[in-house]
Amino acid sequence: IPRLELQAALTGIKQEKVIRRETNIEVAERYFWTDSIIVM
């Protein structure tokens, strides 16, 4: 489960990169959230 949670976190990073590239939204701050203490 910790490795899967880490894979989900990496997927979140990649997804957020795609959104910023494709939408050109000027973002003031970026936040990432997980319920995994181990990933944190």
PDB file of all heavy atoms in Angstrom:
ATOM      1  N   ILE A   1       0.832  -1.207   0.000  1.00  0.00           N
ATOM      2  CA  ILE A   1       0.000   0.000   0.000  1.00  0.00           C
ATOM      3  C   ILE A   1       0.870   1.261   0.000  1.00  0.00           C
ATOM      4  O   ILE A   1       0.596   2.184  -0.773  1.00  0.00           O
ATOM      5  CB  ILE A   1      -0.998  -0.003   1.178  1.00  0.00           C
ATOM      6  CG1 ILE A   1      -2.012  -1.134   1.004  1.00  0.00           C
ATOM      7  CG2 ILE A   1      -1.707   1.333   1.322  1.00  0.00           C
ATOM      8  CD1 ILE A   1      -2.916  -0.990  -0.218  1.00  0.00           C
ATOM      9  N   PRO A   2       1.939   1.358   0.814  1.00  0.00           N
ATOM     10  CA  PRO A   2       2.775   2.565   0.750  1.00  0.00           C
ATOM     11  C   PRO A   2       3.351   2.820  -0.647  1.00  0.00           C
ATOM     12  O   PRO A   2       3.415   3.963  -1.094  1.00  0.00           O
ATOM     13  CB  PRO A   2       3.881   2.299   1.769  1.00  0.00           C
ATOM     14  CG  PRO A   2       3.254   1.380   2.764  1.00  0.00           C
ATOM     15  CD  PRO A   2       2.354   0.492   1.937  1.00  0.00           C
ATOM     16  N   ARG A   3       3.740   1.768  -1.351  1.00  0.00           N
ATOM     17  CA  ARG A   3       4.271   1.955  -2.710  1.00  0.00           C
ATOM     18  C   ARG A   3       3.170   2.402  -3.669  1.00  0.00           C
ATOM     19  O   ARG A   3       3.403   3.226  -4.545  1.00  0.00           O
ATOM     20  CB  ARG A   3       4.951   0.684  -3.203  1.00  0.00           C
ATOM     21  CG  ARG A   3       6.305   0.469  -2.542  1.00  0.00           C
ATOM     22  CD  ARG A   3       7.037  -0.698  -3.121  1.00  0.00           C
ATOM     23  NE  ARG A   3       8.380  -0.773  -2.554  1.00  0.00           N
ATOM     24  CZ  ARG A   3       9.363  -1.450  -3.100  1.00  0.00           C
ATOM     25  NH1 ARG A   3       9.167  -2.125  -4.212  1.00  0.00           N
ATOM     26  NH2 ARG A   3      10.552  -1.468  -2.524  1.00  0.00           N
ATOM     27  N   LEU A   4       1.979   1.842  -3.514  1.00  0.00           N
ATOM     28  CA  LEU A   4       0.850   2.284  -4.350  1.00  0.00           C
ATOM     29  C   LEU A   4       0.495   3.743  -4.044  1.00  0.00           C
ATOM     30  O   LEU A   4       0.197   4.514  -4.954  1.00  0.00           O
ATOM     31  CB  LEU A   4      -0.356   1.367  -4.138  1.00  0.00           C
ATOM     32  CG  LEU A   4      -0.245  -0.033  -4.740  1.00  0.00           C
ATOM     33  CD1 LEU A   4      -1.362  -0.925  -4.213  1.00  0.00           C
ATOM     34  CD2 LEU A   4      -0.266   0.025  -6.258  1.00  0.00           C
ATOM     35  N   GLU A   5       0.519   4.114  -2.765  1.00  0.00           N
ATOM     36  CA  GLU A   5       0.248   5.508  -2.384  1.00  0.00           C
ATOM     37  C   GLU A   5       1.296   6.442  -3.002  1.00  0.00           C
ATOM     38  O   GLU A   5       0.971   7.538  -3.459  1.00  0.00           O
ATOM     39  CB  GLU A   5       0.250   5.662  -0.862  1.00  0.00           C
ATOM     40  CG  GLU A   5      -0.895   4.974  -0.158  1.00  0.00           C
ATOM     41  CD  GLU A   5      -2.181   5.786  -0.096  1.00  0.00           C
ATOM     42  OE1 GLU A   5      -2.274   6.854  -0.732  1.00  0.00           O
ATOM     43  OE2 GLU A   5      -3.103   5.339   0.611  1.00  0.00           O
ATOM     44  N   LEU A   6       2.548   6.006  -3.031  1.00  0.00           N
ATOM     45  CA  LEU A   6       3.618   6.799  -3.641  1.00  0.00           C
ATOM     46  C   LEU A   6       3.398   6.905  -5.148  1.00  0.00           C
ATOM     47  O   LEU A   6       3.606   7.970  -5.746  1.00  0.00           O
ATOM     48  CB  LEU A   6       4.969   6.161  -3.328  1.00  0.00           C
ATOM     49  CG  LEU A   6       6.201   6.999  -3.595  1.00  0.00           C
ATOM     50  CD1 LEU A   6       6.185   8.302  -2.801  1.00  0.00           C
ATOM     51  CD2 LEU A   6       7.451   6.195  -3.250  1.00  0.00           C
ATOM     52  N   GLN A   7       2.949   5.824  -5.770  1.00  0.00           N
ATOM     53  CA  GLN A   7       2.633   5.851  -7.201  1.00  0.00           C
ATOM     54  C   GLN A   7       1.483   6.816  -7.473  1.00  0.00           C
ATOM     55  O   GLN A   7       1.496   7.549  -8.470  1.00  0.00           O
ATOM     56  CB  GLN A   7       2.286   4.438  -7.684  1.00  0.00           C
ATOM     57  CG  GLN A   7       2.217   4.289  -9.169  1.00  0.00           C
ATOM     58  CD  GLN A   7       3.544   4.549  -9.859  1.00  0.00           C
ATOM     59  OE1 GLN A   7       4.605   4.196  -9.354  1.00  0.00           O
ATOM     60  NE2 GLN A   7       3.491   5.178 -11.006  1.00  0.00           N
ATOM     61  N   ALA A   8       0.498   6.848  -6.595  1.00  0.00           N
ATOM     62  CA  ALA A   8      -0.610   7.800  -6.737  1.00  0.00           C
ATOM     63  C   ALA A   8      -0.098   9.234  -6.625  1.00  0.00           C
ATOM     64  O   ALA A   8      -0.522  10.115  -7.387  1.00  0.00           O
ATOM     65  CB  ALA A   8      -1.680   7.528  -5.677  1.00  0.00           C
ATOM     66  N   ALA A   9       0.819   9.481  -5.698  1.00  0.00           N
ATOM     67  CA  ALA A   9       1.392  10.826  -5.550  1.00  0.00           C
ATOM     68  C   ALA A   9       2.139  11.240  -6.815  1.00  0.00           C
ATOM     69  O   ALA A   9       2.021  12.383  -7.279  1.00  0.00           O
ATOM     70  CB  ALA A   9       2.323  10.875  -4.339  1.00  0.00           C
ATOM     71  N   LEU A  10       2.885  10.320  -7.402  1.00  0.00           N
ATOM     72  CA  LEU A  10       3.596  10.619  -8.656  1.00  0.00           C
ATOM     73  C   LEU A  10       2.604  10.889  -9.785  1.00  0.00           C
ATOM     74  O   LEU A  10       2.786  11.814 -10.574  1.00  0.00           O
ATOM     75  CB  LEU A  10       4.524   9.456  -9.018  1.00  0.00           C
ATOM     76  CG  LEU A  10       5.322   9.618 -10.309  1.00  0.00           C
ATOM     77  CD1 LEU A  10       6.195  10.867 -10.271  1.00  0.00           C
ATOM     78  CD2 LEU A  10       6.169   8.374 -10.554  1.00  0.00           C
ATOM     79  N   THR A  11       1.521  10.135  -9.837  1.00  0.00           N
ATOM     80  CA  THR A  11       0.470  10.366 -10.834  1.00  0.00           C
ATOM     81  C   THR A  11      -0.140  11.756 -10.641  1.00  0.00           C
ATOM     82  O   THR A  11      -0.424  12.461 -11.614  1.00  0.00           O
ATOM     83  CB  THR A  11      -0.610   9.273 -10.744  1.00  0.00           C
ATOM     84  OG1 THR A  11       0.015   8.004 -10.941  1.00  0.00           O
ATOM     85  CG2 THR A  11      -1.704   9.480 -11.774  1.00  0.00           C
ATOM     86  N   GLY A  12      -0.326  12.161  -9.387  1.00  0.00           N
ATOM     87  CA  GLY A  12      -0.851  13.500  -9.105  1.00  0.00           C
ATOM     88  C   GLY A  12       0.073  14.591  -9.604  1.00  0.00           C
ATOM     89  O   GLY A  12      -0.377  15.597 -10.169  1.00  0.00           O
ATOM     90  N   ILE A  13       1.376  14.413  -9.431  1.00  0.00           N
ATOM     91  CA  ILE A  13       2.363  15.385  -9.928  1.00  0.00           C
ATOM     92  C   ILE A  13       2.260  15.495 -11.447  1.00  0.00           C
ATOM     93  O   ILE A  13       2.224  16.591 -12.009  1.00  0.00           O
ATOM     94  CB  ILE A  13       3.795  14.962  -9.509  1.00  0.00           C
ATOM     95  CG1 ILE A  13       4.011  15.206  -8.029  1.00  0.00           C
ATOM     96  CG2 ILE A  13       4.859  15.656 -10.343  1.00  0.00           C
ATOM     97  CD1 ILE A  13       4.134  16.659  -7.635  1.00  0.00           C
ATOM     98  N   LYS A  14       2.217  14.349 -12.115  1.00  0.00           N
ATOM     99  CA  LYS A  14       2.137  14.343 -13.588  1.00  0.00           C
ATOM    100  C   LYS A  14       0.837  14.976 -14.070  1.00  0.00           C
ATOM    101  O   LYS A  14       0.825  15.740 -15.045  1.00  0.00           O
ATOM    102  CB  LYS A  14       2.273  12.916 -14.111  1.00  0.00           C
ATOM    103  CG  LYS A  14       3.665  12.347 -13.914  1.00  0.00           C
ATOM    104  CD  LYS A  14       3.740  10.906 -14.383  1.00  0.00           C
ATOM    105  CE  LYS A  14       5.146  10.344 -14.218  1.00  0.00           C
ATOM    106  NZ  LYS A  14       5.231   8.946 -14.662  1.00  0.00           N
ATOM    107  N   GLN A  15      -0.269  14.675 -13.390  1.00  0.00           N
ATOM    108  CA  GLN A  15      -1.562  15.248 -13.768  1.00  0.00           C
ATOM    109  C   GLN A  15      -1.545  16.766 -13.620  1.00  0.00           C
ATOM    110  O   GLN A  15      -2.000  17.496 -14.497  1.00  0.00           O
ATOM    111  CB  GLN A  15      -2.668  14.646 -12.898  1.00  0.00           C
ATOM    112  CG  GLN A  15      -4.036  15.251 -13.129  1.00  0.00           C
ATOM    113  CD  GLN A  15      -5.094  14.507 -12.364  1.00  0.00           C
ATOM    114  OE1 GLN A  15      -5.347  13.336 -12.640  1.00  0.00           O
ATOM    115  NE2 GLN A  15      -5.708  15.162 -11.392  1.00  0.00           N
ATOM    116  N   GLU A  16      -1.001  17.241 -12.522  1.00  0.00           N
ATOM    117  CA  GLU A  16      -0.951  18.682 -12.269  1.00  0.00           C
ATOM    118  C   GLU A  16      -0.081  19.389 -13.309  1.00  0.00           C
ATOM    119  O   GLU A  16      -0.401  20.476 -13.766  1.00  0.00           O
ATOM    120  CB  GLU A  16      -0.432  18.905 -10.842  1.00  0.00           C
ATOM    121  CG  GLU A  16      -0.651  20.300 -10.314  1.00  0.00           C
ATOM    122  CD  GLU A  16       0.607  21.143 -10.376  1.00  0.00           C
ATOM    123  OE1 GLU A  16       1.646  20.675 -10.844  1.00  0.00           O
ATOM    124  OE2 GLU A  16       0.527  22.298  -9.956  1.00  0.00           O
ATOM    125  N   LYS A  17       1.015  18.756 -13.728  1.00  0.00           N
ATOM    126  CA  LYS A  17       1.870  19.321 -14.777  1.00  0.00           C
ATOM    127  C   LYS A  17       1.101  19.454 -16.089  1.00  0.00           C
ATOM    128  O   LYS A  17       1.201  20.465 -16.775  1.00  0.00           O
ATOM    129  CB  LYS A  17       3.105  18.443 -14.996  1.00  0.00           C
ATOM    130  CG  LYS A  17       4.212  18.680 -14.005  1.00  0.00           C
ATOM    131  CD  LYS A  17       5.402  17.746 -14.177  1.00  0.00           C
ATOM    132  CE  LYS A  17       5.796  17.479 -15.600  1.00  0.00           C
ATOM    133  NZ  LYS A  17       6.919  16.544 -15.736  1.00  0.00           N
ATOM    134  N   VAL A  18       0.322  18.438 -16.438  1.00  0.00           N
ATOM    135  CA  VAL A  18      -0.484  18.468 -17.668  1.00  0.00           C
ATOM    136  C   VAL A  18      -1.497  19.606 -17.598  1.00  0.00           C
ATOM    137  O   VAL A  18      -1.670  20.369 -18.560  1.00  0.00           O
ATOM    138  CB  VAL A  18      -1.192  17.117 -17.903  1.00  0.00           C
ATOM    139  CG1 VAL A  18      -2.274  17.236 -18.964  1.00  0.00           C
ATOM    140  CG2 VAL A  18      -0.189  16.045 -18.274  1.00  0.00           C
ATOM    141  N   ILE A  19      -2.160  19.746 -16.470  1.00  0.00           N
ATOM    142  CA  ILE A  19      -3.167  20.801 -16.316  1.00  0.00           C
ATOM    143  C   ILE A  19      -2.541  22.180 -16.493  1.00  0.00           C
ATOM    144  O   ILE A  19      -3.062  23.022 -17.224  1.00  0.00           O
ATOM    145  CB  ILE A  19      -3.872  20.689 -14.942  1.00  0.00           C
ATOM    146  CG1 ILE A  19      -4.760  19.452 -14.916  1.00  0.00           C
ATOM    147  CG2 ILE A  19      -4.683  21.947 -14.634  1.00  0.00           C
ATOM    148  CD1 ILE A  19      -5.272  19.084 -13.537  1.00  0.00           C
ATOM    149  N   ARG A  20      -1.411  22.417 -15.846  1.00  0.00           N
ATOM    150  CA  ARG A  20      -0.763  23.735 -15.958  1.00  0.00           C
ATOM    151  C   ARG A  20      -0.302  24.000 -17.388  1.00  0.00           C
ATOM    152  O   ARG A  20      -0.427  25.109 -17.885  1.00  0.00           O
ATOM    153  CB  ARG A  20       0.410  23.847 -14.985  1.00  0.00           C
ATOM    154  CG  ARG A  20      -0.056  24.024 -13.554  1.00  0.00           C
ATOM    155  CD  ARG A  20       1.055  24.378 -12.587  1.00  0.00           C
ATOM    156  NE  ARG A  20       2.064  23.327 -12.537  1.00  0.00           N
ATOM    157  CZ  ARG A  20       3.372  23.539 -12.635  1.00  0.00           C
ATOM    158  NH1 ARG A  20       3.850  24.745 -12.779  1.00  0.00           N
ATOM    159  NH2 ARG A  20       4.219  22.536 -12.570  1.00  0.00           N
ATOM    160  N   ARG A  21       0.202  22.977 -18.057  1.00  0.00           N
ATOM    161  CA  ARG A  21       0.669  23.149 -19.431  1.00  0.00           C
ATOM    162  C   ARG A  21      -0.494  23.388 -20.401  1.00  0.00           C
ATOM    163  O   ARG A  21      -0.437  24.260 -21.257  1.00  0.00           O
ATOM    164  CB  ARG A  21       1.469  21.920 -19.863  1.00  0.00           C
ATOM    165  CG  ARG A  21       2.053  22.052 -21.263  1.00  0.00           C
ATOM    166  CD  ARG A  21       2.790  20.807 -21.713  1.00  0.00           C
ATOM    167  NE  ARG A  21       1.843  19.715 -21.907  1.00  0.00           N
ATOM    168  CZ  ARG A  21       1.974  18.501 -21.366  1.00  0.00           C
ATOM    169  NH1 ARG A  21       2.990  18.221 -20.604  1.00  0.00           N
ATOM    170  NH2 ARG A  21       1.064  17.573 -21.595  1.00  0.00           N
ATOM    171  N   GLU A  22      -1.569  22.628 -20.255  1.00  0.00           N
ATOM    172  CA  GLU A  22      -2.669  22.671 -21.222  1.00  0.00           C
ATOM    173  C   GLU A  22      -3.667  23.799 -20.988  1.00  0.00           C
ATOM    174  O   GLU A  22      -4.350  24.205 -21.909  1.00  0.00           O
ATOM    175  CB  GLU A  22      -3.400  21.325 -21.241  1.00  0.00           C
ATOM    176  CG  GLU A  22      -2.542  20.161 -21.680  1.00  0.00           C
ATOM    177  CD  GLU A  22      -2.031  20.284 -23.109  1.00  0.00           C
ATOM    178  OE1 GLU A  22      -2.757  20.832 -23.959  1.00  0.00           O
ATOM    179  OE2 GLU A  22      -0.900  19.832 -23.370  1.00  0.00           O
ATOM    180  N   THR A  23      -3.782  24.298 -19.766  1.00  0.00           N
ATOM    181  CA  THR A  23      -4.788  25.325 -19.499  1.00  0.00           C
ATOM    182  C   THR A  23      -4.216  26.731 -19.442  1.00  0.00           C
ATOM    183  O   THR A  23      -4.954  27.696 -19.544  1.00  0.00           O
ATOM    184  CB  THR A  23      -5.509  25.065 -18.160  1.00  0.00           C
ATOM    185  OG1 THR A  23      -4.552  25.117 -17.103  1.00  0.00           O
ATOM    186  CG2 THR A  23      -6.228  23.734 -18.170  1.00  0.00           C
ATOM    187  N   ASN A  24      -2.923  26.858 -19.227  1.00  0.00           N
ATOM    188  CA  ASN A  24      -2.275  28.170 -19.079  1.00  0.00           C
ATOM    189  C   ASN A  24      -2.886  28.998 -17.951  1.00  0.00           C
ATOM    190  O   ASN A  24      -2.901  30.225 -18.016  1.00  0.00           O
ATOM    191  CB  ASN A  24      -2.313  28.964 -20.392  1.00  0.00           C
ATOM    192  CG  ASN A  24      -1.492  28.295 -21.465  1.00  0.00           C
ATOM    193  OD1 ASN A  24      -0.403  27.797 -21.203  1.00  0.00           O
ATOM    194  ND2 ASN A  24      -2.025  28.258 -22.675  1.00  0.00           N
ATOM    195  N   ILE A  25      -3.416  28.341 -16.933  1.00  0.00           N
ATOM    196  CA  ILE A  25      -3.960  29.052 -15.778  1.00  0.00           C
ATOM    197  C   ILE A  25      -2.786  29.599 -14.973  1.00  0.00           C
ATOM    198  O   ILE A  25      -1.837  28.879 -14.681  1.00  0.00           O
ATOM    199  CB  ILE A  25      -4.797  28.108 -14.892  1.00  0.00           C
ATOM    200  CG1 ILE A  25      -6.013  27.602 -15.656  1.00  0.00           C
ATOM    201  CG2 ILE A  25      -5.221  28.801 -13.597  1.00  0.00           C
ATOM    202  CD1 ILE A  25      -6.782  26.513 -14.924  1.00  0.00           C
ATOM    203  N   GLU A  26      -2.852  30.881 -14.626  1.00  0.00           N
ATOM    204  CA  GLU A  26      -1.828  31.469 -13.766  1.00  0.00           C
ATOM    205  C   GLU A  26      -2.147  31.084 -12.332  1.00  0.00           C
ATOM    206  O   GLU A  26      -3.104  31.565 -11.750  1.00  0.00           O
ATOM    207  CB  GLU A  26      -1.787  32.987 -13.929  1.00  0.00           C
ATOM    208  CG  GLU A  26      -1.167  33.420 -15.235  1.00  0.00           C
ATOM    209  CD  GLU A  26      -0.849  34.907 -15.256  1.00  0.00           C
ATOM    210  OE1 GLU A  26      -0.425  35.447 -14.214  1.00  0.00           O
ATOM    211  OE2 GLU A  26      -1.056  35.496 -16.315  1.00  0.00           O
ATOM    212  N   VAL A  27      -1.330  30.203 -11.798  1.00  0.00           N
ATOM    213  CA  VAL A  27      -1.575  29.637 -10.475  1.00  0.00           C
ATOM    214  C   VAL A  27      -0.694  30.331  -9.445  1.00  0.00           C
ATOM    215  O   VAL A  27       0.521  30.413  -9.614  1.00  0.00           O
ATOM    216  CB  VAL A  27      -1.283  28.121 -10.485  1.00  0.00           C
ATOM    217  CG1 VAL A  27      -1.449  27.528  -9.107  1.00  0.00           C
ATOM    218  CG2 VAL A  27      -2.179  27.416 -11.488  1.00  0.00           C
ATOM    219  N   ALA A  28      -1.324  30.836  -8.378  1.00  0.00           N
ATOM    220  CA  ALA A  28      -0.577  31.491  -7.302  1.00  0.00           C
ATOM    221  C   ALA A  28       0.076  30.461  -6.385  1.00  0.00           C
ATOM    222  O   ALA A  28       1.197  30.656  -5.930  1.00  0.00           O
ATOM    223  CB  ALA A  28      -1.496  32.403  -6.497  1.00  0.00           C
ATOM    224  N   GLU A  29      -0.640  29.363  -6.099  1.00  0.00           N
ATOM    225  CA  GLU A  29      -0.101  28.331  -5.219  1.00  0.00           C
ATOM    226  C   GLU A  29      -0.568  26.966  -5.687  1.00  0.00           C
ATOM    227  O   GLU A  29      -1.639  26.827  -6.283  1.00  0.00           O
ATOM    228  CB  GLU A  29      -0.546  28.549  -3.768  1.00  0.00           C
ATOM    229  CG  GLU A  29       0.152  29.706  -3.096  1.00  0.00           C
ATOM    230  CD  GLU A  29      -0.074  29.711  -1.600  1.00  0.00           C
ATOM    231  OE1 GLU A  29       0.378  28.755  -0.934  1.00  0.00           O
ATOM    232  OE2 GLU A  29      -0.703  30.656  -1.120  1.00  0.00           O
ATOM    233  N   ARG A  30       0.263  25.966  -5.379  1.00  0.00           N
ATOM    234  CA  ARG A  30      -0.044  24.573  -5.708  1.00  0.00           C
ATOM    235  C   ARG A  30       0.002  23.769  -4.418  1.00  0.00           C
ATOM    236  O   ARG A  30       0.918  23.905  -3.623  1.00  0.00           O
ATOM    237  CB  ARG A  30       0.994  24.031  -6.688  1.00  0.00           C
ATOM    238  CG  ARG A  30       1.061  24.829  -7.962  1.00  0.00           C
ATOM    239  CD  ARG A  30       2.368  24.604  -8.742  1.00  0.00           C
ATOM    240  NE  ARG A  30       2.718  23.215  -8.905  1.00  0.00           N
ATOM    241  CZ  ARG A  30       3.969  22.753  -8.786  1.00  0.00           C
ATOM    242  NH1 ARG A  30       4.960  23.548  -8.495  1.00  0.00           N
ATOM    243  NH2 ARG A  30       4.218  21.475  -8.957  1.00  0.00           N
ATOM    244  N   TYR A  31      -0.999  22.910  -4.232  1.00  0.00           N
ATOM    245  CA  TYR A  31      -1.105  22.073  -3.043  1.00  0.00           C
ATOM    246  C   TYR A  31      -1.290  20.624  -3.487  1.00  0.00           C
ATOM    247  O   TYR A  31      -2.025  20.350  -4.442  1.00  0.00           O
ATOM    248  CB  TYR A  31      -2.307  22.470  -2.184  1.00  0.00           C
ATOM    249  CG  TYR A  31      -2.221  23.853  -1.602  1.00  0.00           C
ATOM    250  CD1 TYR A  31      -2.646  24.964  -2.324  1.00  0.00           C
ATOM    251  CD2 TYR A  31      -1.718  24.054  -0.323  1.00  0.00           C
ATOM    252  CE1 TYR A  31      -2.567  26.239  -1.790  1.00  0.00           C
ATOM    253  CE2 TYR A  31      -1.643  25.332   0.220  1.00  0.00           C
ATOM    254  CZ  TYR A  31      -2.069  26.413  -0.519  1.00  0.00           C
ATOM    255  OH  TYR A  31      -1.992  27.677   0.013  1.00  0.00           O
ATOM    256  N   PHE A  32      -0.655  19.727  -2.764  1.00  0.00           N
ATOM    257  CA  PHE A  32      -0.816  18.304  -2.999  1.00  0.00           C
ATOM    258  C   PHE A  32      -1.246  17.676  -1.680  1.00  0.00           C
ATOM    259  O   PHE A  32      -0.703  18.000  -0.628  1.00  0.00           O
ATOM    260  CB  PHE A  32       0.498  17.681  -3.485  1.00  0.00           C
ATOM    261  CG  PHE A  32       0.965  18.273  -4.787  1.00  0.00           C
ATOM    262  CD1 PHE A  32       1.848  19.345  -4.796  1.00  0.00           C
ATOM    263  CD2 PHE A  32       0.510  17.780  -6.003  1.00  0.00           C
ATOM    264  CE1 PHE A  32       2.266  19.921  -5.984  1.00  0.00           C
ATOM    265  CE2 PHE A  32       0.925  18.349  -7.195  1.00  0.00           C
ATOM    266  CZ  PHE A  32       1.804  19.422  -7.187  1.00  0.00           C
ATOM    267  N   TRP A  33      -2.240  16.775  -1.758  1.00  0.00           N
ATOM    268  CA  TRP A  33      -2.839  16.198  -0.559  1.00  0.00           C
ATOM    269  C   TRP A  33      -2.814  14.682  -0.655  1.00  0.00           C
ATOM    270  O   TRP A  33      -3.123  14.113  -1.703  1.00  0.00           O
ATOM    271  CB  TRP A  33      -4.289  16.663  -0.429  1.00  0.00           C
ATOM    272  CG  TRP A  33      -4.457  18.143  -0.317  1.00  0.00           C
ATOM    273  CD1 TRP A  33      -4.560  19.046  -1.349  1.00  0.00           C
ATOM    274  CD2 TRP A  33      -4.556  18.904   0.881  1.00  0.00           C
ATOM    275  NE1 TRP A  33      -4.718  20.313  -0.843  1.00  0.00           N
ATOM    276  CE2 TRP A  33      -4.715  20.263   0.518  1.00  0.00           C
ATOM    277  CE3 TRP A  33      -4.528  18.573   2.238  1.00  0.00           C
ATOM    278  CZ2 TRP A  33      -4.846  21.284   1.445  1.00  0.00           C
ATOM    279  CZ3 TRP A  33      -4.658  19.593   3.169  1.00  0.00           C
ATOM    280  CH2 TRP A  33      -4.820  20.927   2.775  1.00  0.00           C
ATOM    281  N   THR A  34      -2.452  14.022   0.439  1.00  0.00           N
ATOM    282  CA  THR A  34      -2.485  12.573   0.530  1.00  0.00           C
ATOM    283  C   THR A  34      -2.951  12.185   1.930  1.00  0.00           C
ATOM    284  O   THR A  34      -2.757  12.940   2.876  1.00  0.00           O
ATOM    285  CB  THR A  34      -1.101  11.955   0.236  1.00  0.00           C
ATOM    286  OG1 THR A  34      -1.186  10.527   0.367  1.00  0.00           O
ATOM    287  CG2 THR A  34      -0.015  12.479   1.169  1.00  0.00           C
ATOM    288  N   ASP A  35      -3.550  11.014   2.020  1.00  0.00           N
ATOM    289  CA  ASP A  35      -3.934  10.525   3.351  1.00  0.00           C
ATOM    290  C   ASP A  35      -2.905   9.532   3.884  1.00  0.00           C
ATOM    291  O   ASP A  35      -3.102   8.921   4.919  1.00  0.00           O
ATOM    292  CB  ASP A  35      -5.347   9.926   3.345  1.00  0.00           C
ATOM    293  CG  ASP A  35      -5.525   8.812   2.338  1.00  0.00           C
ATOM    294  OD1 ASP A  35      -4.516   8.297   1.802  1.00  0.00           O
ATOM    295  OD2 ASP A  35      -6.682   8.436   2.070  1.00  0.00           O
ATOM    296  N   SER A  36      -1.779   9.407   3.180  1.00  0.00           N
ATOM    297  CA  SER A  36      -0.733   8.473   3.580  1.00  0.00           C
ATOM    298  C   SER A  36       0.356   9.172   4.394  1.00  0.00           C
ATOM    299  O   SER A  36       1.114   9.990   3.870  1.00  0.00           O
ATOM    300  CB  SER A  36      -0.103   7.825   2.341  1.00  0.00           C
ATOM    301  OG  SER A  36       1.038   7.078   2.709  1.00  0.00           O
ATOM    302  N   ILE A  37       0.435   8.818   5.663  1.00  0.00           N
ATOM    303  CA  ILE A  37       1.496   9.366   6.531  1.00  0.00           C
ATOM    304  C   ILE A  37       2.858   8.897   6.032  1.00  0.00           C
ATOM    305  O   ILE A  37       3.846   9.640   6.095  1.00  0.00           O
ATOM    306  CB  ILE A  37       1.278   8.918   7.999  1.00  0.00           C
ATOM    307  CG1 ILE A  37      -0.042   9.462   8.535  1.00  0.00           C
ATOM    308  CG2 ILE A  37       2.439   9.339   8.885  1.00  0.00           C
ATOM    309  CD1 ILE A  37      -0.089  10.940   8.729  1.00  0.00           C
ATOM    310  N   ILE A  38       2.936   7.681   5.502  1.00  0.00           N
ATOM    311  CA  ILE A  38       4.212   7.159   5.014  1.00  0.00           C
ATOM    312  C   ILE A  38       4.723   7.983   3.834  1.00  0.00           C
ATOM    313  O   ILE A  38       5.902   8.340   3.776  1.00  0.00           O
ATOM    314  CB  ILE A  38       4.086   5.659   4.655  1.00  0.00           C
ATOM    315  CG1 ILE A  38       3.814   4.867   5.928  1.00  0.00           C
ATOM    316  CG2 ILE A  38       5.337   5.156   3.945  1.00  0.00           C
ATOM    317  CD1 ILE A  38       3.502   3.409   5.708  1.00  0.00           C
ATOM    318  N   VAL A  39       3.849   8.330   2.898  1.00  0.00           N
ATOM    319  CA  VAL A  39       4.260   9.178   1.771  1.00  0.00           C
ATOM    320  C   VAL A  39       4.720  10.538   2.288  1.00  0.00           C
ATOM    321  O   VAL A  39       5.750  11.066   1.847  1.00  0.00           O
ATOM    322  CB  VAL A  39       3.126   9.324   0.734  1.00  0.00           C
ATOM    323  CG1 VAL A  39       3.435  10.427  -0.277  1.00  0.00           C
ATOM    324  CG2 VAL A  39       2.893   7.999   0.024  1.00  0.00           C
ATOM    325  N   MET A  40       3.991  11.095   3.227  1.00  0.00           N
ATOM    326  CA  MET A  40       4.403  12.377   3.816  1.00  0.00           C
ATOM    327  C   MET A  40       5.798  12.255   4.422  1.00  0.00           C
ATOM    328  O   MET A  40       6.636  13.130   4.260  1.00  0.00           O
ATOM    329  CB  MET A  40       3.403  12.817   4.887  1.00  0.00           C
ATOM    330  CG  MET A  40       2.015  13.126   4.376  1.00  0.00           C
ATOM    331  SD  MET A  40       1.959  14.603   3.366  1.00  0.00           S
ATOM    332  CE  MET A  40       2.371  15.834   4.587  1.00  0.00           C
TER     333      MET A  40
END
